[in-house]
Amino acid sequence: MRRHLLRDTGASAVEYGLLIAGVAALIVAAIFFVGRNNANNFQDACEAILTQQGGSC
């Protein structure tokens, strides 16, 4: 019984799960941030072309 209480395999699995969840959250945040910046860059490029050549984006 005492050996069963001192095992920490369940705790380490929970810790790995939390670590993976944290890394996944960082990846999602980075993709959201980069995607937002890229959308602004594409819009700026489109507007620059529009002012030079006319037309629509």
C-alpha atoms as a PDB file:
ATOM      1  CA  MET A   1       0.000   0.000   0.000  1.00  0.00           C
ATOM      2  CA  ARG A   2       2.761   2.435   0.905  1.00  0.00           C
ATOM      3  CA  ARG A   3       4.609   1.724  -2.340  1.00  0.00           C
ATOM      4  CA  HIS A   4       1.430   2.525  -4.247  1.00  0.00           C
ATOM      5  CA  LEU A   5       1.091   5.900  -2.495  1.00  0.00           C
ATOM      6  CA  LEU A   6       4.705   6.887  -3.227  1.00  0.00           C
ATOM      7  CA  ARG A   7       4.490   6.267  -6.988  1.00  0.00           C
ATOM      8  CA  ASP A   8       4.378   9.467  -8.987  1.00  0.00           C
ATOM      9  CA  THR A   9       3.656   8.201 -12.475  1.00  0.00           C
ATOM     10  CA  GLY A  10       0.201   9.772 -12.473  1.00  0.00           C
ATOM     11  CA  ALA A  11       1.572  13.108 -11.336  1.00  0.00           C
ATOM     12  CA  SER A  12       4.224  13.134 -14.043  1.00  0.00           C
ATOM     13  CA  ALA A  13       1.576  12.367 -16.670  1.00  0.00           C
ATOM     14  CA  VAL A  14      -0.432  15.352 -15.456  1.00  0.00           C
ATOM     15  CA  GLU A  15       2.664  17.530 -15.565  1.00  0.00           C
ATOM     16  CA  TYR A  16       3.417  16.454 -19.131  1.00  0.00           C
ATOM     17  CA  GLY A  17      -0.188  17.175 -20.074  1.00  0.00           C
ATOM     18  CA  LEU A  18       0.042  20.678 -18.630  1.00  0.00           C
ATOM     19  CA  LEU A  19       3.343  21.254 -20.403  1.00  0.00           C
ATOM     20  CA  ILE A  20       1.876  20.157 -23.737  1.00  0.00           C
ATOM     21  CA  ALA A  21      -1.183  22.361 -23.185  1.00  0.00           C
ATOM     22  CA  GLY A  22       1.067  25.346 -22.457  1.00  0.00           C
ATOM     23  CA  VAL A  23       3.167  24.775 -25.562  1.00  0.00           C
ATOM     24  CA  ALA A  24       0.018  24.385 -27.668  1.00  0.00           C
ATOM     25  CA  ALA A  25      -1.343  27.665 -26.300  1.00  0.00           C
ATOM     26  CA  LEU A  26       1.908  29.436 -27.193  1.00  0.00           C
ATOM     27  CA  ILE A  27       1.816  28.009 -30.713  1.00  0.00           C
ATOM     28  CA  VAL A  28      -1.790  29.134 -31.210  1.00  0.00           C
ATOM     29  CA  ALA A  29      -0.967  32.616 -29.901  1.00  0.00           C
ATOM     30  CA  ALA A  30       2.071  32.877 -32.197  1.00  0.00           C
ATOM     31  CA  ILE A  31       0.066  31.781 -35.243  1.00  0.00           C
ATOM     32  CA  PHE A  32      -2.683  34.271 -34.408  1.00  0.00           C
ATOM     33  CA  PHE A  33      -0.169  37.093 -33.961  1.00  0.00           C
ATOM     34  CA  VAL A  34       1.784  36.295 -37.146  1.00  0.00           C
ATOM     35  CA  GLY A  35      -1.399  35.827 -39.158  1.00  0.00           C
ATOM     36  CA  ARG A  36      -2.728  39.175 -38.026  1.00  0.00           C
ATOM     37  CA  ASN A  37       0.516  40.915 -38.995  1.00  0.00           C
ATOM     38  CA  ASN A  38       0.602  39.181 -42.377  1.00  0.00           C
ATOM     39  CA  ALA A  39      -2.953  40.266 -43.128  1.00  0.00           C
ATOM     40  CA  ASN A  40      -1.935  43.867 -42.453  1.00  0.00           C
ATOM     41  CA  ASN A  41       1.143  43.486 -44.667  1.00  0.00           C
ATOM     42  CA  PHE A  42      -0.914  42.114 -47.557  1.00  0.00           C
ATOM     43  CA  GLN A  43      -3.425  44.920 -47.209  1.00  0.00           C
ATOM     44  CA  ASP A  44      -0.638  47.522 -47.208  1.00  0.00           C
ATOM     45  CA  ALA A  45       0.915  45.967 -50.327  1.00  0.00           C
ATOM     46  CA  CYS A  46      -2.452  45.890 -52.057  1.00  0.00           C
ATOM     47  CA  GLU A  47      -3.090  49.531 -51.251  1.00  0.00           C
ATOM     48  CA  ALA A  48       0.374  50.497 -52.537  1.00  0.00           C
ATOM     49  CA  ILE A  49      -0.288  48.718 -55.827  1.00  0.00           C
ATOM     50  CA  LEU A  50      -3.755  50.238 -56.004  1.00  0.00           C
ATOM     51  CA  THR A  51      -2.398  53.781 -55.700  1.00  0.00           C
ATOM     52  CA  GLN A  52       0.242  53.163 -58.383  1.00  0.00           C
ATOM     53  CA  GLN A  53      -1.761  51.248 -60.984  1.00  0.00           C
ATOM     54  CA  GLY A  54      -5.387  51.651 -60.102  1.00  0.00           C
ATOM     55  CA  GLY A  55      -7.811  48.783 -59.716  1.00  0.00           C
ATOM     56  CA  SER A  56      -9.091  46.899 -56.722  1.00  0.00           C
ATOM     57  CA  CYS A  57      -7.638  44.465 -54.226  1.00  0.00           C
END
